[in-house]
Amino acid sequence: MKNIFKIAILSAFVSVSLSSCNDALDIIQDGELNAENTFVNTEDMNKYLNGSVYAGLDITNNLFLSAQFTDELGMGPLNSELALSAHQFYLDVTNGPTAGIWLGNYTTINRVNRLMEGAAKITPPSGDQAKYNNILAQARLVRAFSYFTLLSYFSTDMKDPNALGVMLIDHVPGLSETTPRVNNSAIFSFIDADIAYADTNLSAVNGDYFRIGKNFLNAFKARYYLYRGMYPQAKVAAQAVLSSSGLVLTPLVNASIPGSAAGSLAQNNTAHKALNDYLTRNPYAKMLNNTSQGEIIFALNRPIVGTWGNVGSIFASNSSALNGSILYDMGRRTFNLLTQVNGDIRRYAYIDPTAKIDANYATLTTYRDADVLVLDKYPGRPKLVPDPISTDIYREKVASQSPLRNDLPVFRLSEMYFILAECAVEEGNFTGAAGYVKNIRDARNYLNPVTLPVYSGKPTAYADILLERRKDLYLEGHRYLDLKRLGAIAGVAIDRDPTDDLKSIPVTIPIDDYRMKSLPIPRAETQGNPTIQQNPGY
C-alpha cells in the first residue's frame, strides 16, 4: 500500500514542486491549494467529485483481464507470440491488468476518503445541505463499488464472511503507512454503511446515466448481494431496477432483414454487409455504438474530446476493421455459439463486416490469417449522417471520429434479468429462471421467439445462465467472475477453441485451479507492504 499511495495521495487539485532548498518548502505561493483550502464549500466538493472521483473510475483493466484470460478472445494476425501473457494462462504477480485493478480501485478509494475528510470541515448553509449530502452519497457509492470490485477479484470466497478480503482504508494514509488485509466481513460492513448512507441521502435524479443515482444504487445492490449469496436482497434490488428505471430490453426493429428468410446469414459475409445497414438502425446496435442509451443503467462516459483511453485499442491498434492491425479477435467457440441460434442479432452486432470468416477454419494451418473475427463491440465514436431511407440516422465509421473509443457499460438491464434468474434458481423455481433467460433470448432474436428452456436442477440451470451471460455480457468484464462464481456448480470451465491461441497451448484450465479462485496481490504491493498476505498459489 505504501507504493500505491505514493501515487494515489496526489489529487487533481495539488501540485508539488521539489527543491533542494528546504526554506523554499515554507514559502506559500499565491493561489496555492492545500489541505486547508482545497475544500471550502459545497461547490468545491462537487468539482472534486466530477474532476477526480468520477474521472478516476475505469473498468478497462477488468474488461481486458477477463477477456484475455477466459474464452472471449482469440489471437489476431498481428499479435506477437514472444511474451507469455494471461491469454496463455500465465497469471502471476507481474500481470499488468491485475495490478491496474488493485491500484486503480485503491486510488479511487483514496480520492473519496480525501473528499470526505475535506467535507467534514465544511458546514454547508441550509440551502446546500441536500446537495452536500448528495455529493457524499455519490462518492460513498463509488467507494463501495471499488471495494466490492476488489473483493470480487482478490477474495478467495465472496460468500464467506471469514474469508480473507482486502485492505480496509477509511482515511487518507501517510506515505509510510502499511495496512494488512482483513476478512470479508469487515469490508462488507464498510460497504453496507456506504449503501445505507446513499439510501437516505442520494438524490432520486442525478442527471444522465453517466451519473450515480437511484438506478445505479439498485443495480449495484443487486450485483453486490448476488455475489454474497444474499438472494432475497438481490432479488428485491433487481426488481426495483426493472420497475422504476424506465428502461426496457432494446426492442428489435420490425423490418425486412437482408438474407434472413432463408437462414443464410450464418457464415455469409455478403449477407453480413447487407445486414450491417439494418444494424445501424437497430436499437441494440445503437446502444453498443453509443448513439442511444438503450438499456444501459450506468456507463463511464468516454467522449471524443479529452484524454480518455480507447477501450477498443485492446483488440486492434488502429480500427475495428480487417486492416486495423488486429491484436485479438472474437474467440471461435464464442462465435460458434452465437451462430447456433438462427436470428441472434449479437452475431452481427459484435463482428465487423470486414471480418474473414472461414467455415474450414479448424483444418487450416494459417487459421490466424484466414479466419479473423474482427470485433465491433467497441468500434469507436460514430459519425452520424442522414439515413437515405428514413428520417433516422445511421453509423459510418470514420477515422477522425475517435476510433476505438466508446463508453464503458457498467450496469445493463439484461444483467438484472440474469440476477433474477439466479435468484429463482436458488428458490427452486426453475421455470421462473428459464423465463428470465427467455426474455433475453427473445429480445435478441430478430426472427422468432425462442423455446422456453427446461432445467432439471441447479447445474443445468446455472450452465444455461452462464451460456447466456457469456453471449449478452460479452467483453463487458463479467466472464472471469461468472466462472469463478458459478463454474464449479454448473460444471463449466474456460471453453476455448484450439484456434483461439497456438494449437500447442491448452484450451482450458480446471475450474478449481487457483487462478480461477482469485487474482494475485500485485508485486508492487507485496514489496512495499510487509503486512500484506498473498493469495494461495501465487
Protein backbone atom coordinates (compact mmCIF):
# COMPACT_ATOMS: atom_id res chain seq x y z
CA MET A 1 0.00 0.00 0.00
CA LYS A 2 2.95 2.31 0.66
CA ASN A 3 3.90 2.23 -3.02
CA ILE A 4 0.33 2.70 -4.10
CA PHE A 5 -0.31 5.78 -2.03
CA LYS A 6 2.86 7.50 -3.11
CA ILE A 7 0.87 7.85 -6.31
CA ALA A 8 -2.70 7.89 -5.07
CA ILE A 9 -2.25 10.53 -2.41
CA LEU A 10 -1.83 13.14 -5.12
CA SER A 11 -5.13 14.77 -6.01
CA ALA A 12 -6.38 16.67 -9.01
CA PHE A 13 -6.04 19.89 -7.02
CA VAL A 14 -2.50 19.55 -5.65
CA SER A 15 0.80 20.11 -7.41
CA VAL A 16 4.07 19.65 -5.54
CA SER A 17 7.38 21.11 -6.71
CA LEU A 18 10.52 19.74 -5.08
CA SER A 19 13.57 21.88 -4.31
CA SER A 20 16.95 21.19 -2.76
CA CYS A 21 16.45 24.27 -0.61
CA ASN A 22 14.43 23.37 2.48
CA ASP A 23 13.49 27.00 3.05
CA ALA A 24 11.62 27.04 -0.23
CA LEU A 25 9.18 24.50 1.16
CA ASP A 26 7.97 27.06 3.69
CA ILE A 27 7.05 29.64 1.07
CA ILE A 28 3.31 29.87 0.43
CA GLN A 29 2.68 30.86 -3.16
CA ASP A 30 -0.28 32.98 -4.21
CA GLY A 31 -3.23 30.76 -5.09
CA GLU A 32 -1.62 27.62 -3.67
CA LEU A 33 -4.08 24.87 -2.80
CA ASN A 34 -3.50 22.77 0.29
CA ALA A 35 -5.49 20.56 2.62
CA GLU A 36 -6.99 23.57 4.37
CA ASN A 37 -8.29 25.49 1.38
CA THR A 38 -8.97 22.83 -1.25
CA PHE A 39 -12.46 22.23 0.15
CA VAL A 40 -14.10 25.45 1.26
CA ASN A 41 -17.70 24.99 0.18
CA THR A 42 -20.11 22.56 -1.44
CA GLU A 43 -19.16 23.64 -4.95
CA ASP A 44 -15.53 22.68 -4.26
CA MET A 45 -16.76 19.25 -3.23
CA ASN A 46 -18.77 18.92 -6.43
CA LYS A 47 -15.81 19.92 -8.60
CA TYR A 48 -13.62 17.34 -6.92
CA LEU A 49 -16.31 14.69 -7.27
CA ASN A 50 -16.52 15.34 -11.01
CA GLY A 51 -12.89 16.10 -11.76
CA SER A 52 -11.22 13.47 -9.61
CA VAL A 53 -13.59 10.80 -8.28
CA TYR A 54 -15.71 10.21 -11.39
CA ALA A 55 -12.76 10.84 -13.70
CA GLY A 56 -10.77 8.11 -11.96
CA LEU A 57 -13.39 5.41 -12.43
CA ASP A 58 -12.38 2.84 -15.03
CA ILE A 59 -13.11 -0.81 -15.80
CA THR A 60 -10.75 -1.28 -18.75
CA ASN A 61 -8.36 -3.49 -16.77
CA ASN A 62 -11.26 -5.61 -15.51
CA LEU A 63 -12.57 -6.00 -19.04
CA PHE A 64 -9.20 -6.92 -20.54
CA LEU A 65 -8.18 -9.37 -17.82
CA SER A 66 -11.49 -11.18 -18.06
CA ALA A 67 -11.47 -11.31 -21.86
CA GLN A 68 -7.81 -12.26 -22.26
CA PHE A 69 -7.72 -14.95 -19.59
CA THR A 70 -11.00 -16.71 -20.39
CA ASP A 71 -12.60 -17.68 -23.70
CA GLU A 72 -13.76 -14.35 -25.09
CA LEU A 73 -10.76 -13.66 -27.35
CA GLY A 74 -8.61 -15.36 -29.94
CA MET A 75 -5.17 -14.22 -31.02
CA GLY A 76 -5.34 -11.97 -34.06
CA PRO A 77 -2.93 -11.99 -37.00
CA LEU A 78 -0.89 -9.04 -35.64
CA ASN A 79 -0.48 -10.46 -32.13
CA SER A 80 3.10 -11.22 -31.12
CA GLU A 81 3.84 -14.65 -29.67
CA LEU A 82 7.07 -13.59 -27.98
CA ALA A 83 5.80 -12.87 -24.47
CA LEU A 84 3.80 -15.08 -22.17
CA SER A 85 0.51 -13.48 -21.14
CA ALA A 86 -2.73 -14.21 -19.38
CA HIS A 87 -4.05 -15.48 -22.71
CA GLN A 88 -1.62 -18.38 -22.35
CA PHE A 89 -2.87 -18.82 -18.75
CA TYR A 90 0.28 -17.18 -17.39
CA LEU A 91 -1.01 -15.22 -14.43
CA ASP A 92 1.31 -14.05 -11.69
CA VAL A 93 2.21 -11.04 -9.51
CA THR A 94 3.57 -9.14 -12.52
CA ASN A 95 0.32 -9.18 -14.50
CA GLY A 96 -0.44 -5.63 -15.67
CA PRO A 97 -4.27 -5.62 -15.71
CA THR A 98 -4.31 -7.25 -12.26
CA ALA A 99 -2.08 -4.51 -10.88
CA GLY A 100 -4.32 -1.97 -12.62
CA ILE A 101 -7.42 -3.33 -10.89
CA TRP A 102 -5.71 -3.17 -7.49
CA LEU A 103 -4.08 0.24 -7.90
CA GLY A 104 -6.98 1.84 -9.75
CA ASN A 105 -9.56 0.96 -7.13
CA TYR A 106 -7.39 1.97 -4.19
CA THR A 107 -6.61 5.25 -5.93
CA THR A 108 -10.34 5.88 -6.26
CA ILE A 109 -10.92 4.92 -2.62
CA ASN A 110 -8.20 7.35 -1.57
CA ARG A 111 -9.83 10.14 -3.55
CA VAL A 112 -13.18 9.51 -1.90
CA ASN A 113 -11.56 9.47 1.54
CA ARG A 114 -9.85 12.76 0.71
CA LEU A 115 -13.20 14.26 -0.32
CA MET A 116 -14.85 13.07 2.87
CA GLU A 117 -12.10 14.48 5.09
CA GLY A 118 -12.39 17.81 3.33
CA ALA A 119 -16.18 17.78 3.54
CA ALA A 120 -16.01 17.21 7.31
CA LYS A 121 -14.55 20.72 7.66
CA ILE A 122 -17.43 22.34 5.77
CA THR A 123 -20.69 23.44 7.34
CA PRO A 124 -22.99 23.98 4.39
CA PRO A 125 -25.76 26.58 4.53
CA SER A 126 -29.21 25.10 4.98
CA GLY A 127 -29.99 25.59 1.30
CA ASP A 128 -26.97 23.45 0.34
CA GLN A 129 -27.47 20.62 2.82
CA ALA A 130 -29.26 18.29 0.38
CA LYS A 131 -26.63 18.94 -2.29
CA TYR A 132 -23.84 18.36 0.24
CA ASN A 133 -25.40 15.05 1.31
CA ASN A 134 -25.98 14.00 -2.29
CA ILE A 135 -22.34 14.60 -3.24
CA LEU A 136 -21.19 12.47 -0.32
CA ALA A 137 -23.74 9.78 -1.21
CA GLN A 138 -22.39 9.55 -4.76
CA ALA A 139 -18.81 9.46 -3.52
CA ARG A 140 -19.53 6.79 -0.94
CA LEU A 141 -21.22 4.62 -3.56
CA VAL A 142 -18.14 4.95 -5.74
CA ARG A 143 -16.05 3.83 -2.76
CA ALA A 144 -18.42 0.93 -2.03
CA PHE A 145 -18.29 -0.14 -5.68
CA SER A 146 -14.48 -0.01 -5.62
CA TYR A 147 -14.27 -2.16 -2.50
CA PHE A 148 -16.77 -4.59 -3.98
CA THR A 149 -14.69 -4.83 -7.15
CA LEU A 150 -11.55 -5.54 -5.14
CA LEU A 151 -13.28 -8.28 -3.16
CA SER A 152 -14.71 -9.81 -6.34
CA TYR A 153 -11.24 -10.38 -7.77
CA PHE A 154 -8.96 -10.78 -4.77
CA SER A 155 -11.05 -12.53 -2.11
CA THR A 156 -10.94 -16.30 -2.34
CA ASP A 157 -14.63 -16.64 -1.50
CA MET A 158 -17.07 -13.72 -1.66
CA LYS A 159 -19.79 -15.74 0.08
CA ASP A 160 -17.69 -16.47 3.17
CA PRO A 161 -17.56 -13.55 5.64
CA ASN A 162 -14.50 -15.10 7.28
CA ALA A 163 -12.50 -15.49 4.06
CA LEU A 164 -9.53 -13.20 3.55
CA GLY A 165 -10.57 -9.99 1.87
CA VAL A 166 -8.58 -6.86 1.01
CA MET A 167 -7.11 -3.84 2.81
CA LEU A 168 -9.64 -1.60 4.58
CA ILE A 169 -8.65 2.07 4.40
CA ASP A 170 -11.13 4.61 5.74
CA HIS A 171 -8.85 7.67 5.79
CA VAL A 172 -6.08 9.37 3.80
CA PRO A 173 -2.98 7.42 4.87
CA GLY A 174 0.55 8.66 5.30
CA LEU A 175 3.24 7.77 2.79
CA SER A 176 4.86 5.17 5.05
CA GLU A 177 1.65 3.64 6.40
CA THR A 178 1.06 -0.04 5.72
CA THR A 179 -2.15 -1.98 6.13
CA PRO A 180 -2.86 -5.74 6.23
CA ARG A 181 -5.77 -7.48 4.58
CA VAL A 182 -8.89 -8.04 6.66
CA ASN A 183 -11.67 -10.58 6.44
CA ASN A 184 -14.58 -10.07 4.08
CA SER A 185 -16.91 -9.28 6.97
CA ALA A 186 -15.06 -6.04 7.74
CA ILE A 187 -15.28 -4.90 4.11
CA PHE A 188 -18.93 -5.94 3.94
CA SER A 189 -19.74 -3.78 6.97
CA PHE A 190 -17.97 -0.83 5.40
CA ILE A 191 -19.81 -1.26 2.08
CA ASP A 192 -23.12 -1.70 3.90
CA ALA A 193 -22.61 1.60 5.74
CA ASP A 194 -21.94 3.43 2.49
CA ILE A 195 -25.04 1.88 0.90
CA ALA A 196 -27.16 2.85 3.92
CA TYR A 197 -25.96 6.46 3.68
CA ALA A 198 -26.77 6.53 -0.04
CA ASP A 199 -30.21 5.02 0.56
CA THR A 200 -31.05 8.01 2.74
CA ASN A 201 -29.19 10.84 1.03
CA LEU A 202 -28.86 10.09 -2.67
CA SER A 203 -30.89 12.30 -4.98
CA ALA A 204 -33.59 10.47 -6.91
CA VAL A 205 -32.36 12.01 -10.15
CA ASN A 206 -28.74 13.00 -10.75
CA GLY A 207 -28.90 13.64 -14.49
CA ASP A 208 -27.99 11.22 -17.25
CA TYR A 209 -26.83 7.62 -17.00
CA PHE A 210 -23.20 8.70 -16.51
CA ARG A 211 -24.06 9.97 -13.03
CA ILE A 212 -24.83 7.90 -9.95
CA GLY A 213 -28.49 7.92 -8.99
CA LYS A 214 -31.11 5.51 -7.71
CA ASN A 215 -30.79 3.25 -10.74
CA PHE A 216 -27.08 2.78 -10.08
CA LEU A 217 -27.79 2.19 -6.39
CA ASN A 218 -30.33 -0.55 -7.06
CA ALA A 219 -28.24 -2.21 -9.78
CA PHE A 220 -25.15 -2.16 -7.58
CA LYS A 221 -27.07 -3.64 -4.64
CA ALA A 222 -28.43 -6.39 -6.90
CA ARG A 223 -24.94 -7.45 -8.03
CA TYR A 224 -23.36 -6.99 -4.60
CA TYR A 225 -25.98 -9.08 -2.79
CA LEU A 226 -25.92 -11.73 -5.51
CA TYR A 227 -22.16 -12.20 -5.21
CA ARG A 228 -22.53 -12.51 -1.43
CA GLY A 229 -25.24 -15.15 -1.80
CA MET A 230 -27.91 -12.86 -0.31
CA TYR A 231 -30.51 -13.85 -2.88
CA PRO A 232 -33.69 -12.32 -1.38
CA GLN A 233 -31.98 -8.91 -1.15
CA ALA A 234 -30.55 -9.26 -4.66
CA LYS A 235 -34.00 -10.10 -6.00
CA VAL A 236 -35.60 -7.02 -4.42
CA ALA A 237 -32.89 -4.73 -5.80
CA ALA A 238 -33.01 -6.19 -9.32
CA GLN A 239 -36.80 -5.96 -9.41
CA ALA A 240 -36.53 -2.33 -8.30
CA VAL A 241 -34.43 -1.62 -11.39
CA LEU A 242 -36.96 -3.30 -13.67
CA SER A 243 -39.91 -1.48 -12.11
CA SER A 244 -38.51 2.01 -11.56
CA SER A 245 -35.68 2.65 -14.03
CA GLY A 246 -37.95 3.29 -17.00
CA LEU A 247 -35.70 1.06 -19.13
CA VAL A 248 -36.74 -1.90 -21.26
CA LEU A 249 -34.77 -4.50 -23.15
CA THR A 250 -33.90 -2.97 -26.51
CA PRO A 251 -36.67 -3.86 -28.97
CA LEU A 252 -35.88 -5.26 -32.40
CA VAL A 253 -36.98 -3.09 -35.29
CA ASN A 254 -39.56 -4.81 -37.44
CA ALA A 255 -38.01 -4.76 -40.88
CA SER A 256 -37.11 -6.99 -43.78
CA ILE A 257 -33.63 -8.12 -42.79
CA PRO A 258 -31.45 -8.99 -45.81
CA GLY A 259 -30.78 -12.69 -46.14
CA SER A 260 -32.63 -13.73 -43.00
CA ALA A 261 -35.59 -15.50 -44.55
CA ALA A 262 -33.58 -18.45 -45.78
CA GLY A 263 -31.36 -18.52 -42.74
CA SER A 264 -28.34 -17.92 -44.95
CA LEU A 265 -26.63 -15.48 -42.63
CA ALA A 266 -24.76 -17.98 -40.50
CA GLN A 267 -21.38 -17.50 -42.21
CA ASN A 268 -22.20 -15.37 -45.24
CA ASN A 269 -20.09 -12.22 -45.41
CA THR A 270 -22.11 -10.70 -48.24
CA ALA A 271 -25.30 -11.02 -46.25
CA HIS A 272 -23.45 -9.66 -43.24
CA LYS A 273 -22.58 -6.46 -45.10
CA ALA A 274 -26.23 -6.04 -46.11
CA LEU A 275 -27.38 -6.67 -42.57
CA ASN A 276 -24.98 -4.04 -41.26
CA ASP A 277 -27.09 -1.35 -42.91
CA TYR A 278 -30.02 -2.63 -40.90
CA LEU A 279 -27.97 -2.82 -37.73
CA THR A 280 -27.21 0.88 -37.90
CA ARG A 281 -30.89 1.50 -37.21
CA ASN A 282 -31.30 -1.33 -34.70
CA PRO A 283 -31.67 -0.22 -31.06
CA TYR A 284 -29.35 -2.93 -29.74
CA ALA A 285 -26.52 -1.94 -32.07
CA LYS A 286 -27.16 1.76 -31.46
CA MET A 287 -26.72 1.12 -27.74
CA LEU A 288 -23.36 -0.52 -28.38
CA ASN A 289 -22.08 2.25 -30.63
CA ASN A 290 -23.25 4.97 -28.23
CA THR A 291 -25.85 6.62 -30.42
CA SER A 292 -28.54 5.81 -27.84
CA GLN A 293 -28.75 4.80 -24.18
CA GLY A 294 -30.76 1.70 -24.90
CA GLU A 295 -30.84 -0.46 -21.79
CA ILE A 296 -27.70 0.91 -20.16
CA ILE A 297 -28.28 1.67 -16.49
CA PHE A 298 -24.87 3.25 -15.85
CA ALA A 299 -21.82 3.77 -18.05
CA LEU A 300 -18.48 5.53 -17.84
CA ASN A 301 -18.55 8.35 -20.35
CA ARG A 302 -15.70 8.47 -22.86
CA PRO A 303 -16.44 11.46 -25.14
CA ILE A 304 -14.49 12.37 -28.26
CA VAL A 305 -12.77 15.28 -26.52
CA GLY A 306 -10.33 14.67 -23.69
CA THR A 307 -7.51 12.26 -22.95
CA TRP A 308 -9.67 9.23 -22.20
CA GLY A 309 -8.37 5.80 -23.05
CA ASN A 310 -9.65 3.95 -26.10
CA VAL A 311 -11.07 0.62 -24.96
CA GLY A 312 -11.05 -0.79 -28.49
CA SER A 313 -7.27 -0.43 -28.67
CA ILE A 314 -7.08 -3.56 -26.53
CA PHE A 315 -8.19 -5.53 -29.57
CA ALA A 316 -6.90 -3.53 -32.55
CA SER A 317 -4.13 -0.97 -32.96
CA ASN A 318 -5.85 1.29 -35.50
CA SER A 319 -9.51 0.49 -36.11
CA SER A 320 -12.06 -2.28 -35.77
CA ALA A 321 -11.66 -3.38 -39.36
CA LEU A 322 -9.63 -6.13 -41.01
CA ASN A 323 -6.91 -3.65 -41.96
CA GLY A 324 -6.87 -2.13 -38.46
CA SER A 325 -3.96 -4.22 -37.11
CA ILE A 326 -5.96 -6.87 -35.26
CA LEU A 327 -4.39 -8.00 -31.99
CA TYR A 328 -7.33 -10.05 -30.71
CA ASP A 329 -10.49 -11.22 -32.43
CA MET A 330 -13.56 -13.00 -31.11
CA GLY A 331 -12.92 -16.40 -29.60
CA ARG A 332 -14.00 -19.01 -32.17
CA ARG A 333 -16.02 -21.05 -29.71
CA THR A 334 -17.92 -17.93 -28.67
CA PHE A 335 -18.60 -17.08 -32.30
CA ASN A 336 -19.86 -20.60 -32.98
CA LEU A 337 -22.25 -20.33 -30.05
CA LEU A 338 -23.68 -17.10 -31.46
CA THR A 339 -24.29 -18.76 -34.84
CA GLN A 340 -26.10 -21.78 -33.37
CA VAL A 341 -29.36 -19.87 -32.89
CA ASN A 342 -30.73 -18.51 -36.14
CA GLY A 343 -31.70 -14.87 -35.80
CA ASP A 344 -29.38 -13.91 -32.92
CA ILE A 345 -28.65 -10.22 -33.54
CA ARG A 346 -25.49 -10.34 -31.43
CA ARG A 347 -23.67 -12.45 -34.00
CA TYR A 348 -23.76 -9.41 -36.31
CA ALA A 349 -23.63 -6.60 -33.78
CA TYR A 350 -20.33 -7.88 -32.37
CA ILE A 351 -18.49 -8.69 -35.63
CA ASP A 352 -17.31 -6.17 -38.23
CA PRO A 353 -18.46 -6.66 -41.85
CA THR A 354 -14.81 -6.81 -42.98
CA ALA A 355 -14.21 -9.97 -40.92
CA LYS A 356 -12.80 -13.02 -42.71
CA ILE A 357 -14.99 -15.97 -41.78
CA ASP A 358 -13.85 -19.40 -42.99
CA ALA A 359 -16.04 -22.41 -42.32
CA ASN A 360 -12.96 -24.65 -42.65
CA TYR A 361 -11.01 -22.77 -40.00
CA ALA A 362 -10.35 -25.89 -37.89
CA THR A 363 -8.30 -27.59 -40.60
CA LEU A 364 -6.29 -24.56 -41.74
CA THR A 365 -2.65 -24.21 -40.75
CA THR A 366 -2.96 -20.47 -41.42
CA TYR A 367 -6.11 -20.04 -39.35
CA ARG A 368 -4.92 -16.83 -37.65
CA ASP A 369 -4.73 -15.06 -41.02
CA ALA A 370 -7.57 -16.84 -42.80
CA ASP A 371 -10.25 -16.71 -40.11
CA VAL A 372 -10.24 -13.26 -38.49
CA LEU A 373 -13.39 -12.47 -36.50
CA VAL A 374 -12.89 -8.71 -36.25
CA LEU A 375 -14.57 -7.29 -33.17
CA ASP A 376 -17.08 -4.46 -33.45
CA LYS A 377 -18.21 -4.28 -29.85
CA TYR A 378 -16.12 -1.13 -29.29
CA PRO A 379 -15.61 0.36 -32.78
CA GLY A 380 -15.28 3.95 -31.63
CA ARG A 381 -17.47 7.01 -31.71
CA PRO A 382 -19.54 7.01 -34.89
CA LYS A 383 -20.08 9.77 -37.36
CA LEU A 384 -23.81 10.34 -37.76
CA VAL A 385 -25.04 11.08 -41.27
CA PRO A 386 -28.58 11.27 -42.72
CA ASP A 387 -30.21 7.97 -43.44
CA PRO A 388 -31.06 7.73 -47.16
CA ILE A 389 -34.12 5.62 -46.43
CA SER A 390 -35.75 7.16 -43.39
CA THR A 391 -35.52 10.10 -41.02
CA ASP A 392 -33.37 8.04 -38.68
CA ILE A 393 -29.58 8.18 -38.51
CA TYR A 394 -27.05 5.51 -39.17
CA ARG A 395 -23.45 4.78 -38.34
CA GLU A 396 -20.46 5.39 -40.55
CA LYS A 397 -17.06 4.50 -39.12
CA VAL A 398 -14.74 7.42 -39.79
CA ALA A 399 -11.15 7.58 -38.58
CA SER A 400 -11.47 11.16 -37.41
CA GLN A 401 -14.34 10.30 -35.05
CA SER A 402 -12.25 8.83 -32.21
CA PRO A 403 -11.82 5.28 -33.50
CA LEU A 404 -11.85 2.59 -30.79
CA ARG A 405 -13.19 4.99 -28.11
CA ASN A 406 -16.52 4.06 -26.59
CA ASP A 407 -18.38 4.47 -23.31
CA LEU A 408 -17.82 1.62 -20.87
CA PRO A 409 -21.06 -0.08 -19.77
CA VAL A 410 -21.02 -0.90 -16.06
CA PHE A 411 -24.64 -1.97 -15.50
CA ARG A 412 -27.12 -3.05 -18.16
CA LEU A 413 -30.73 -4.12 -17.81
CA SER A 414 -30.07 -7.63 -19.11
CA GLU A 415 -27.81 -8.28 -16.10
CA MET A 416 -30.78 -7.63 -13.83
CA TYR A 417 -32.73 -10.37 -15.66
CA PHE A 418 -29.81 -12.75 -15.16
CA ILE A 419 -29.64 -11.86 -11.47
CA LEU A 420 -33.34 -12.59 -11.12
CA ALA A 421 -32.78 -15.89 -12.91
CA GLU A 422 -30.09 -16.87 -10.39
CA CYS A 423 -32.34 -15.89 -7.51
CA ALA A 424 -35.12 -18.03 -8.97
CA VAL A 425 -32.74 -21.00 -9.19
CA GLU A 426 -31.89 -20.61 -5.52
CA GLU A 427 -35.62 -20.57 -4.74
CA GLY A 428 -36.05 -23.83 -6.66
CA ASN A 429 -38.18 -22.01 -9.23
CA PHE A 430 -36.55 -23.38 -12.38
CA THR A 431 -39.44 -22.37 -14.63
CA GLY A 432 -39.16 -18.81 -13.40
CA ALA A 433 -35.40 -18.84 -14.04
CA ALA A 434 -35.99 -20.15 -17.54
CA GLY A 435 -38.49 -17.36 -18.16
CA TYR A 436 -35.93 -14.66 -17.36
CA VAL A 437 -33.40 -16.26 -19.71
CA LYS A 438 -36.05 -16.50 -22.42
CA ASN A 439 -36.77 -12.78 -22.00
CA ILE A 440 -33.21 -12.01 -23.07
CA ARG A 441 -33.16 -14.53 -25.93
CA ASP A 442 -36.43 -13.25 -27.32
CA ALA A 443 -35.16 -9.67 -27.19
CA ARG A 444 -32.03 -10.61 -29.14
CA ASN A 445 -33.73 -12.69 -31.85
CA TYR A 446 -34.93 -10.80 -34.92
CA LEU A 447 -36.76 -13.80 -36.42
CA ASN A 448 -38.91 -15.53 -33.81
CA PRO A 449 -39.38 -16.00 -30.07
CA VAL A 450 -37.30 -18.88 -28.75
CA THR A 451 -38.38 -22.00 -26.93
CA LEU A 452 -38.59 -21.80 -23.14
CA PRO A 453 -35.62 -23.74 -21.75
CA VAL A 454 -36.20 -26.57 -19.27
CA TYR A 455 -33.91 -27.07 -16.29
CA SER A 456 -33.67 -30.31 -14.36
CA GLY A 457 -31.71 -28.85 -11.46
CA LYS A 458 -29.18 -26.27 -10.38
CA PRO A 459 -26.28 -27.49 -12.56
CA THR A 460 -28.27 -27.33 -15.82
CA ALA A 461 -29.90 -24.05 -14.85
CA TYR A 462 -26.62 -22.36 -13.99
CA ALA A 463 -24.93 -23.78 -17.09
CA ASP A 464 -27.61 -22.17 -19.27
CA ILE A 465 -27.46 -18.87 -17.37
CA LEU A 466 -23.68 -18.87 -17.81
CA LEU A 467 -24.16 -19.51 -21.52
CA GLU A 468 -26.48 -16.57 -21.97
CA ARG A 469 -24.37 -14.26 -19.82
CA ARG A 470 -21.41 -15.26 -22.00
CA LYS A 471 -23.30 -14.09 -25.07
CA ASP A 472 -25.05 -10.99 -23.83
CA LEU A 473 -22.41 -9.53 -21.49
CA TYR A 474 -19.60 -10.30 -23.92
CA LEU A 475 -16.49 -8.14 -23.42
CA GLU A 476 -18.05 -6.20 -20.53
CA GLY A 477 -15.80 -7.68 -17.84
CA HIS A 478 -18.07 -10.40 -16.44
CA ARG A 479 -16.79 -13.73 -17.79
CA TYR A 480 -13.93 -14.39 -15.33
CA LEU A 481 -16.07 -13.55 -12.30
CA ASP A 482 -19.02 -15.54 -13.68
CA LEU A 483 -16.86 -18.66 -13.99
CA LYS A 484 -15.35 -18.01 -10.58
CA ARG A 485 -18.83 -17.77 -9.04
CA LEU A 486 -20.79 -20.41 -10.94
CA GLY A 487 -18.39 -22.58 -12.91
CA ALA A 488 -18.00 -25.35 -10.35
CA ILE A 489 -21.71 -25.87 -9.68
CA ALA A 490 -22.52 -25.65 -13.40
CA GLY A 491 -19.69 -27.93 -14.47
CA VAL A 492 -18.38 -25.20 -16.78
CA ALA A 493 -14.80 -24.00 -17.22
CA ILE A 494 -12.95 -21.81 -19.73
CA ASP A 495 -14.17 -23.01 -23.12
CA ARG A 496 -11.80 -22.09 -25.96
CA ASP A 497 -11.35 -23.40 -29.46
CA PRO A 498 -7.80 -24.60 -30.26
CA THR A 499 -7.54 -21.86 -32.89
CA ASP A 500 -8.04 -19.16 -30.27
CA ASP A 501 -4.34 -19.43 -29.49
CA LEU A 502 -1.42 -21.52 -30.65
CA LYS A 503 -2.65 -25.06 -31.07
CA SER A 504 0.04 -26.25 -28.67
CA ILE A 505 -1.41 -24.20 -25.81
CA PRO A 506 -4.05 -25.83 -23.55
CA VAL A 507 -7.55 -24.56 -24.31
CA THR A 508 -8.68 -24.56 -20.68
CA ILE A 509 -7.66 -24.94 -17.05
CA PRO A 510 -9.66 -26.73 -14.34
CA ILE A 511 -12.38 -24.67 -12.73
CA ASP A 512 -10.85 -25.41 -9.32
CA ASP A 513 -7.41 -24.12 -10.38
CA TYR A 514 -6.02 -21.48 -8.00
CA ARG A 515 -6.09 -18.93 -10.84
CA MET A 516 -9.86 -19.28 -11.00
CA LYS A 517 -10.28 -18.67 -7.27
CA SER A 518 -8.61 -15.26 -7.02
CA LEU A 519 -6.09 -12.94 -8.62
CA PRO A 520 -2.59 -12.43 -7.21
CA ILE A 521 -1.81 -9.46 -4.99
CA PRO A 522 0.47 -7.38 -7.29
CA ARG A 523 4.22 -7.33 -6.73
CA ALA A 524 4.29 -3.58 -6.10
CA GLU A 525 2.04 -4.12 -3.09
CA THR A 526 3.85 -7.11 -1.64
CA GLN A 527 7.22 -5.39 -1.99
CA GLY A 528 6.08 -2.15 -0.37
CA ASN A 529 3.77 -3.57 2.26
CA PRO A 530 5.31 -6.25 4.53
CA THR A 531 1.95 -6.80 6.28
CA ILE A 532 0.16 -7.98 3.14
CA GLN A 533 -0.74 -11.64 2.67
CA GLN A 534 -0.56 -13.22 -0.79
CA ASN A 535 -3.36 -15.37 -2.20
CA PRO A 536 -2.86 -19.17 -2.33
CA GLY A 537 -0.92 -20.50 -5.32
CA TYR A 538 0.96 -17.32 -6.19
